[in-house]
Amino acid sequence: MNPYILAALLFGLGLGTTITFASSHWLLAWMGLEMNTLAIIPLMAQHHHPRAVEATTKYFLTQVTAAAMLLFASTTNAWLTGQWDIQQMTHPLPITLITLALALKIGLAPVHSWLPEVLQGLDLTTGLILSTWQKLAPFALLLQVQPANSTILIAFGVASTLVGGWGGLNQTQLRKILAYSSIAHLGWMILVLQFSPSLTLLTLLTYFVMTISTFLVFKLNKSTTLNMLATSWAKAPALTALTPLILLSLGGLPPLTGFMPKWLILQELTKQDLAPTATLAAMSALLSLYFYLRLSYAMALTISPNNLTGTTPWRLQHSQFTLPLALATTATLLLLPLTPAVVALLAL
C-alpha cells in the first residue's frame, strides 16, 4: 500500500477515536465511530484475497448495523427526553438499545459471531488493530452510558466469558483462538464495568499489552495455525521459551501480569454480593486456560525428538522490528508485583 494512503488511513483511525473520546453529543460520537470504521476498511481489504474481502464485507455490515442502531437509539432518546448529551441518558429504552449497539460493535456475546470470522480473514497486523484500537471508542461510550439496569451488562459479561471459553476449545486457527480470547476478556471487563470503571480500564490496558505481545509473536513466527506454531521453535528458540508464558498470562495464571485484573475483578464482584457470578466467571476462565495450554503444549513440548509430523521451517533472518515485542512481552510477564500500587490508585 502507498505510504501516503496508509498514513492518511491511520490518521483517520486516530482521529475517529479521538472525536468519540472528546464528544459529549451523540451525533459527534456516532461520527467518530463511522470515521473509525471507514478508515480500517481499506486496511482490511488491502491484500485483495477473497477471504479478506469477505471478512471486510462482514465487518462493514455489522459495524453499519451497530451504528444505525446507535443513531436510532440516540434519536429516540432526544425524542423522549429532549437530550442529545451522552451523560444525560435517563430513559431505559435508548440506554438498552445503545448498550446492545456498542456490544455489537466490540463483539460481546451473544452478538459476537462476526468477530472470529472477520479476524480469520485478516493478516495479523490488521487483526491486531481490530483487536485493540477498534475497541477503544465503543468502550469510552460504554463507560459514559453505564445503564441503570445492571442485569443486561452482567448477562453480556457472563455470556461472553462462557462463549469465549467454549468457542476456542475446538479451534486450530490461531486468529480464531485470539478472537474467542478477545470475547472472553471483554466479558470480564463488562462484568465489572458498573461497579468499578477504573478497574475495567485497567483490565482493558492489560488485555491490550498481552494481545499485542501474542500477535507480534505469531507475526514474527509467521504462524496462523496450530501446526505452524508447533514447528516454529526452529525459527526463534528464545522466543519459544517465552511464548508459553505469554499465553499463560493471557489465561490469567499467577505470577504473571494477566492474573492481576482477574483477581481484582473477582474480589470486586464478591464485594458486590455477586459470588455466583464471580464463581461462574472463574470457572469459564478454566475453559480459556485449556486452549492456551494447548497452544503452549504445541509450541514448547513438541520439540525434537517429540516433534509433530511436518517439515521444520528454515531459520532465516527476520525483518520485523522487535523492540515493541520485547517491551510488550516484558510487561505481559512481569507487572504482577505492581498490584498493591494499582489497588492504591484504584482506591483514589
Protein backbone atom coordinates (compact mmCIF):
# COMPACT_ATOMS: atom_id res chain seq x y z
CA MET A 1 0.00 0.00 0.00
CA ASN A 2 1.16 3.53 -0.82
CA PRO A 3 2.71 5.02 2.37
CA TYR A 4 0.79 8.30 1.95
CA ILE A 5 -2.52 6.43 1.74
CA LEU A 6 -1.51 4.28 4.73
CA ALA A 7 -0.62 7.41 6.73
CA ALA A 8 -3.97 9.01 5.82
CA LEU A 9 -5.88 5.88 6.89
CA LEU A 10 -4.00 5.60 10.19
CA PHE A 11 -4.62 9.31 10.79
CA GLY A 12 -8.33 8.68 10.11
CA LEU A 13 -8.32 5.83 12.62
CA GLY A 14 -6.72 8.01 15.27
CA LEU A 15 -8.97 10.99 14.53
CA GLY A 16 -12.17 8.90 14.64
CA THR A 17 -11.30 7.50 18.07
CA THR A 18 -10.23 10.94 19.36
CA ILE A 19 -13.51 12.54 18.19
CA THR A 20 -15.50 9.86 20.03
CA PHE A 21 -13.35 10.35 23.15
CA ALA A 22 -13.87 14.11 23.10
CA SER A 23 -17.58 14.16 22.25
CA SER A 24 -20.41 14.88 24.65
CA HIS A 25 -23.06 14.87 21.89
CA TRP A 26 -24.36 11.60 20.43
CA LEU A 27 -24.10 12.76 16.78
CA LEU A 28 -20.43 13.62 17.22
CA ALA A 29 -19.74 10.27 18.93
CA TRP A 30 -21.51 8.47 16.06
CA MET A 31 -19.45 10.42 13.52
CA GLY A 32 -16.20 9.35 15.26
CA LEU A 33 -17.27 5.69 15.19
CA GLU A 34 -18.12 5.96 11.47
CA MET A 35 -14.72 7.51 10.68
CA ASN A 36 -13.10 4.66 12.59
CA THR A 37 -14.97 2.02 10.58
CA LEU A 38 -14.34 3.68 7.19
CA ALA A 39 -10.61 4.14 7.92
CA ILE A 40 -9.96 0.46 8.75
CA ILE A 41 -11.93 -1.00 5.80
CA PRO A 42 -9.20 -0.34 3.15
CA LEU A 43 -6.57 -1.73 5.56
CA MET A 44 -8.62 -4.93 5.88
CA ALA A 45 -9.14 -5.38 2.13
CA GLN A 46 -5.64 -4.32 1.02
CA HIS A 47 -4.47 -7.85 0.06
CA HIS A 48 -7.36 -8.44 -2.39
CA HIS A 49 -7.71 -12.04 -1.24
CA PRO A 50 -11.31 -13.35 -1.45
CA ARG A 51 -11.15 -14.29 2.25
CA ALA A 52 -10.03 -10.76 3.18
CA VAL A 53 -12.74 -9.15 1.05
CA GLU A 54 -15.35 -11.44 2.64
CA ALA A 55 -14.11 -10.53 6.15
CA THR A 56 -14.18 -6.82 5.24
CA THR A 57 -17.76 -7.09 3.95
CA LYS A 58 -18.90 -8.90 7.12
CA TYR A 59 -17.18 -6.31 9.29
CA PHE A 60 -18.70 -3.42 7.34
CA LEU A 61 -22.24 -4.84 7.60
CA THR A 62 -22.04 -5.49 11.36
CA GLN A 63 -20.50 -2.07 12.09
CA VAL A 64 -23.09 -0.29 9.94
CA THR A 65 -25.89 -2.17 11.72
CA ALA A 66 -24.47 -1.18 15.12
CA ALA A 67 -24.01 2.46 14.00
CA ALA A 68 -27.59 2.63 12.67
CA MET A 69 -28.89 1.19 15.95
CA LEU A 70 -26.81 3.74 17.90
CA LEU A 71 -28.17 6.61 15.80
CA PHE A 72 -31.74 5.32 16.19
CA ALA A 73 -31.32 4.98 19.98
CA SER A 74 -29.82 8.46 20.40
CA THR A 75 -32.59 9.98 18.24
CA THR A 76 -35.17 8.11 20.33
CA ASN A 77 -33.54 9.49 23.48
CA ALA A 78 -33.72 13.03 22.07
CA TRP A 79 -37.39 12.47 21.19
CA LEU A 80 -38.27 11.08 24.63
CA THR A 81 -36.20 13.37 26.87
CA GLY A 82 -35.11 16.30 24.67
CA GLN A 83 -31.44 15.50 25.39
CA TRP A 84 -28.58 14.77 22.96
CA ASP A 85 -25.96 14.73 25.70
CA ILE A 86 -24.18 11.40 26.32
CA GLN A 87 -24.12 11.96 30.09
CA GLN A 88 -27.87 12.76 30.26
CA MET A 89 -29.24 9.33 29.38
CA THR A 90 -32.21 8.66 31.66
CA HIS A 91 -34.78 6.63 29.70
CA PRO A 92 -34.27 2.82 29.89
CA LEU A 93 -35.24 2.10 26.23
CA PRO A 94 -32.50 4.15 24.47
CA ILE A 95 -29.96 3.10 27.14
CA THR A 96 -30.65 -0.60 26.46
CA LEU A 97 -30.53 -0.08 22.67
CA ILE A 98 -27.24 1.82 22.88
CA THR A 99 -25.72 -0.87 25.14
CA LEU A 100 -26.76 -3.50 22.57
CA ALA A 101 -25.33 -1.44 19.67
CA LEU A 102 -21.98 -0.97 21.44
CA ALA A 103 -21.91 -4.68 22.37
CA LEU A 104 -22.30 -5.49 18.66
CA LYS A 105 -19.52 -3.02 17.81
CA ILE A 106 -16.96 -4.64 20.11
CA GLY A 107 -18.17 -8.24 19.67
CA LEU A 108 -19.71 -9.21 23.03
CA ALA A 109 -21.71 -12.44 23.22
CA PRO A 110 -24.47 -13.11 22.15
CA VAL A 111 -23.76 -10.69 19.24
CA HIS A 112 -20.19 -11.93 18.81
CA SER A 113 -20.39 -14.32 15.87
CA TRP A 114 -18.89 -11.86 13.34
CA LEU A 115 -15.61 -11.43 15.26
CA PRO A 116 -13.94 -14.88 14.77
CA GLU A 117 -14.98 -14.93 11.09
CA VAL A 118 -13.66 -11.43 10.41
CA LEU A 119 -10.39 -11.90 12.31
CA GLN A 120 -9.74 -15.18 10.47
CA GLY A 121 -9.79 -13.36 7.11
CA LEU A 122 -7.25 -10.68 8.07
CA ASP A 123 -3.49 -10.60 8.29
CA LEU A 124 -2.02 -10.43 11.80
CA THR A 125 -1.20 -6.68 11.76
CA THR A 126 -4.71 -5.59 10.79
CA GLY A 127 -6.08 -8.22 13.19
CA LEU A 128 -4.07 -6.60 15.97
CA ILE A 129 -5.56 -3.16 15.17
CA LEU A 130 -9.06 -4.70 15.14
CA SER A 131 -8.49 -6.46 18.48
CA THR A 132 -7.06 -3.43 20.29
CA TRP A 133 -7.52 0.07 18.84
CA GLN A 134 -11.03 -0.55 17.47
CA LYS A 135 -12.30 -1.40 20.98
CA LEU A 136 -11.34 1.99 22.46
CA ALA A 137 -14.08 4.26 21.09
CA PRO A 138 -17.07 1.98 21.89
CA PHE A 139 -15.60 1.35 25.36
CA ALA A 140 -15.37 5.10 26.01
CA LEU A 141 -19.10 5.37 25.24
CA LEU A 142 -19.99 2.32 27.35
CA LEU A 143 -18.13 3.83 30.31
CA GLN A 144 -20.15 7.03 29.96
CA VAL A 145 -23.57 5.39 29.48
CA GLN A 146 -23.48 2.68 32.20
CA PRO A 147 -27.11 1.52 32.21
CA ALA A 148 -29.05 1.83 35.44
CA ASN A 149 -30.37 -1.70 34.89
CA SER A 150 -27.22 -3.68 35.67
CA THR A 151 -28.70 -7.08 34.73
CA ILE A 152 -28.08 -6.58 30.99
CA LEU A 153 -24.36 -5.88 31.50
CA ILE A 154 -23.89 -8.86 33.81
CA ALA A 155 -25.76 -11.08 31.30
CA PHE A 156 -23.48 -9.83 28.48
CA GLY A 157 -20.40 -10.38 30.66
CA VAL A 158 -21.24 -13.93 31.76
CA ALA A 159 -22.32 -14.94 28.23
CA SER A 160 -19.07 -13.54 26.78
CA THR A 161 -16.78 -15.30 29.27
CA LEU A 162 -18.57 -18.62 28.62
CA VAL A 163 -18.71 -18.24 24.81
CA GLY A 164 -15.09 -17.03 24.72
CA GLY A 165 -14.02 -20.13 26.65
CA TRP A 166 -16.15 -22.68 24.83
CA GLY A 167 -15.69 -21.31 21.33
CA GLY A 168 -11.90 -21.54 21.38
CA LEU A 169 -11.73 -25.16 22.57
CA ASN A 170 -12.07 -26.78 19.17
CA GLN A 171 -10.05 -24.32 17.07
CA THR A 172 -6.77 -24.91 15.26
CA GLN A 173 -6.64 -21.46 13.62
CA LEU A 174 -4.68 -19.05 15.82
CA ARG A 175 -6.62 -15.96 14.72
CA LYS A 176 -9.93 -17.57 15.69
CA ILE A 177 -8.46 -18.59 19.05
CA LEU A 178 -7.38 -14.97 19.59
CA ALA A 179 -10.88 -13.78 18.62
CA TYR A 180 -12.50 -16.03 21.25
CA SER A 181 -9.84 -14.92 23.73
CA SER A 182 -10.86 -11.31 22.97
CA ILE A 183 -14.56 -12.13 23.58
CA ALA A 184 -13.74 -13.75 26.95
CA HIS A 185 -11.60 -10.79 28.09
CA LEU A 186 -14.28 -8.31 27.05
CA GLY A 187 -16.75 -10.33 29.13
CA TRP A 188 -14.56 -9.84 32.23
CA MET A 189 -14.40 -6.10 31.57
CA ILE A 190 -18.17 -5.76 31.12
CA LEU A 191 -18.87 -7.74 34.32
CA VAL A 192 -17.19 -5.11 36.48
CA LEU A 193 -17.96 -2.03 34.35
CA GLN A 194 -20.75 -0.60 36.54
CA PHE A 195 -19.04 -1.31 39.88
CA SER A 196 -15.54 -0.05 39.12
CA PRO A 197 -14.95 1.74 35.76
CA SER A 198 -11.27 2.29 36.68
CA LEU A 199 -10.83 -1.49 37.09
CA THR A 200 -12.40 -2.00 33.66
CA LEU A 201 -9.84 0.40 32.18
CA LEU A 202 -7.01 -1.46 33.94
CA THR A 203 -8.29 -4.77 32.51
CA LEU A 204 -8.53 -3.21 29.02
CA LEU A 205 -4.96 -1.94 29.29
CA THR A 206 -3.51 -5.29 30.43
CA TYR A 207 -5.54 -7.07 27.70
CA PHE A 208 -4.01 -4.70 25.11
CA VAL A 209 -0.46 -5.38 26.32
CA MET A 210 -0.95 -9.18 26.34
CA THR A 211 -2.70 -9.21 22.95
CA ILE A 212 0.00 -7.04 21.34
CA SER A 213 2.75 -9.41 22.52
CA THR A 214 0.78 -12.51 21.35
CA PHE A 215 0.07 -11.08 17.88
CA LEU A 216 3.68 -9.93 17.47
CA VAL A 217 5.00 -13.40 18.41
CA PHE A 218 2.73 -15.03 15.82
CA LYS A 219 3.75 -12.40 13.26
CA LEU A 220 7.46 -12.98 13.90
CA ASN A 221 6.97 -16.75 13.53
CA LYS A 222 4.60 -16.28 10.55
CA SER A 223 2.22 -18.71 12.29
CA THR A 224 -1.50 -18.79 11.56
CA THR A 225 -2.36 -22.38 12.54
CA LEU A 226 -1.57 -24.69 15.45
CA ASN A 227 0.71 -26.87 13.29
CA MET A 228 2.71 -23.88 12.05
CA LEU A 229 3.14 -22.81 15.67
CA ALA A 230 4.32 -26.32 16.59
CA THR A 231 7.16 -26.16 14.04
CA SER A 232 8.13 -22.55 14.77
CA TRP A 233 10.61 -23.44 17.55
CA ALA A 234 13.39 -23.68 14.95
CA LYS A 235 12.95 -20.01 13.95
CA ALA A 236 13.38 -18.31 17.33
CA PRO A 237 14.29 -20.72 20.15
CA ALA A 238 14.49 -17.99 22.82
CA LEU A 239 11.03 -16.75 21.90
CA THR A 240 9.74 -20.33 22.04
CA ALA A 241 10.63 -20.41 25.73
CA LEU A 242 8.77 -17.14 26.44
CA THR A 243 5.64 -17.70 24.32
CA PRO A 244 4.01 -20.28 26.66
CA LEU A 245 4.42 -17.75 29.48
CA ILE A 246 2.74 -15.05 27.37
CA LEU A 247 -0.15 -17.43 26.62
CA LEU A 248 -0.49 -18.42 30.29
CA SER A 249 -0.54 -14.71 31.20
CA LEU A 250 -3.46 -14.32 28.74
CA GLY A 251 -5.11 -17.21 30.59
CA GLY A 252 -4.69 -15.36 33.89
CA LEU A 253 -2.26 -17.59 35.79
CA PRO A 254 -0.18 -16.21 38.67
CA PRO A 255 2.58 -14.98 38.95
CA LEU A 256 2.05 -13.31 35.54
CA THR A 257 0.50 -9.93 34.72
CA GLY A 258 -2.76 -11.45 33.41
CA PHE A 259 -3.66 -12.67 36.90
CA MET A 260 -3.92 -9.12 38.31
CA PRO A 261 -7.14 -7.90 36.59
CA LYS A 262 -8.92 -11.24 37.07
CA TRP A 263 -8.02 -11.30 40.77
CA LEU A 264 -9.24 -7.71 41.32
CA ILE A 265 -12.45 -8.32 39.31
CA LEU A 266 -13.33 -11.46 41.32
CA GLN A 267 -12.67 -9.50 44.51
CA GLU A 268 -14.92 -6.61 43.37
CA LEU A 269 -17.74 -8.96 42.30
CA THR A 270 -17.62 -10.70 45.70
CA LYS A 271 -17.80 -7.31 47.44
CA GLN A 272 -20.96 -6.54 45.43
CA ASP A 273 -22.66 -9.78 46.67
CA LEU A 274 -22.26 -11.41 43.26
CA ALA A 275 -20.39 -14.53 44.43
CA PRO A 276 -22.28 -16.86 41.98
CA THR A 277 -21.33 -14.59 39.04
CA ALA A 278 -17.71 -14.49 40.23
CA THR A 279 -17.67 -18.32 40.52
CA LEU A 280 -19.10 -18.71 37.00
CA ALA A 281 -16.53 -16.27 35.59
CA ALA A 282 -13.68 -18.10 37.35
CA MET A 283 -14.91 -21.46 36.03
CA SER A 284 -15.14 -20.08 32.48
CA ALA A 285 -11.53 -18.86 32.79
CA LEU A 286 -10.56 -22.54 33.06
CA LEU A 287 -12.03 -23.15 29.60
CA SER A 288 -9.87 -20.35 28.17
CA LEU A 289 -6.86 -21.67 30.08
CA TYR A 290 -7.29 -25.06 28.39
CA PHE A 291 -6.80 -23.71 24.87
CA TYR A 292 -3.87 -21.52 25.95
CA LEU A 293 -2.28 -24.63 27.46
CA ARG A 294 -2.96 -26.44 24.19
CA LEU A 295 -1.05 -23.74 22.29
CA SER A 296 1.76 -23.83 24.87
CA TYR A 297 1.99 -27.60 24.53
CA ALA A 298 2.10 -27.42 20.74
CA MET A 299 4.81 -24.79 20.82
CA ALA A 300 7.13 -25.89 23.63
CA LEU A 301 6.56 -29.60 24.25
CA THR A 302 6.57 -30.94 20.69
CA ILE A 303 10.22 -30.00 20.11
CA SER A 304 12.52 -32.67 18.66
CA PRO A 305 12.65 -35.63 19.24
CA ASN A 306 8.89 -35.45 20.05
CA ASN A 307 8.00 -33.21 17.15
CA LEU A 308 4.79 -33.34 15.13
CA THR A 309 4.75 -34.63 11.57
CA GLY A 310 5.72 -31.77 9.31
CA THR A 311 8.78 -30.15 7.84
CA THR A 312 10.81 -27.83 10.03
CA PRO A 313 10.94 -24.32 8.51
CA TRP A 314 14.14 -22.55 7.56
CA ARG A 315 15.67 -20.35 10.23
CA LEU A 316 16.05 -17.14 8.24
CA GLN A 317 16.79 -13.60 9.36
CA HIS A 318 13.51 -11.81 10.02
CA SER A 319 12.93 -8.17 9.11
CA GLN A 320 10.44 -7.38 11.89
CA PHE A 321 11.31 -4.59 14.32
CA THR A 322 11.46 -6.44 17.66
CA LEU A 323 11.53 -3.62 20.24
CA PRO A 324 7.67 -3.46 20.59
CA LEU A 325 7.63 -7.26 21.05
CA ALA A 326 10.33 -7.06 23.74
CA LEU A 327 8.53 -4.28 25.64
CA ALA A 328 5.09 -5.92 25.38
CA THR A 329 6.48 -9.31 26.46
CA THR A 330 8.23 -7.80 29.48
CA ALA A 331 5.00 -6.04 30.51
CA THR A 332 2.97 -9.24 29.92
CA LEU A 333 5.17 -11.30 32.22
CA LEU A 334 6.44 -9.05 35.00
CA LEU A 335 3.85 -6.50 36.15
CA LEU A 336 2.04 -8.55 38.84
CA PRO A 337 4.22 -7.13 41.71
CA LEU A 338 2.75 -3.69 40.91
CA THR A 339 -0.69 -4.88 42.13
CA PRO A 340 -0.55 -3.04 45.52
CA ALA A 341 0.29 0.22 43.72
CA VAL A 342 -2.57 -0.38 41.25
CA VAL A 343 -5.03 -1.11 44.08
CA ALA A 344 -3.96 2.12 45.81
CA LEU A 345 -4.52 4.07 42.56
CA LEU A 346 -7.95 2.44 42.02
CA ALA A 347 -8.96 3.44 45.56
CA LEU A 348 -8.25 7.15 44.86
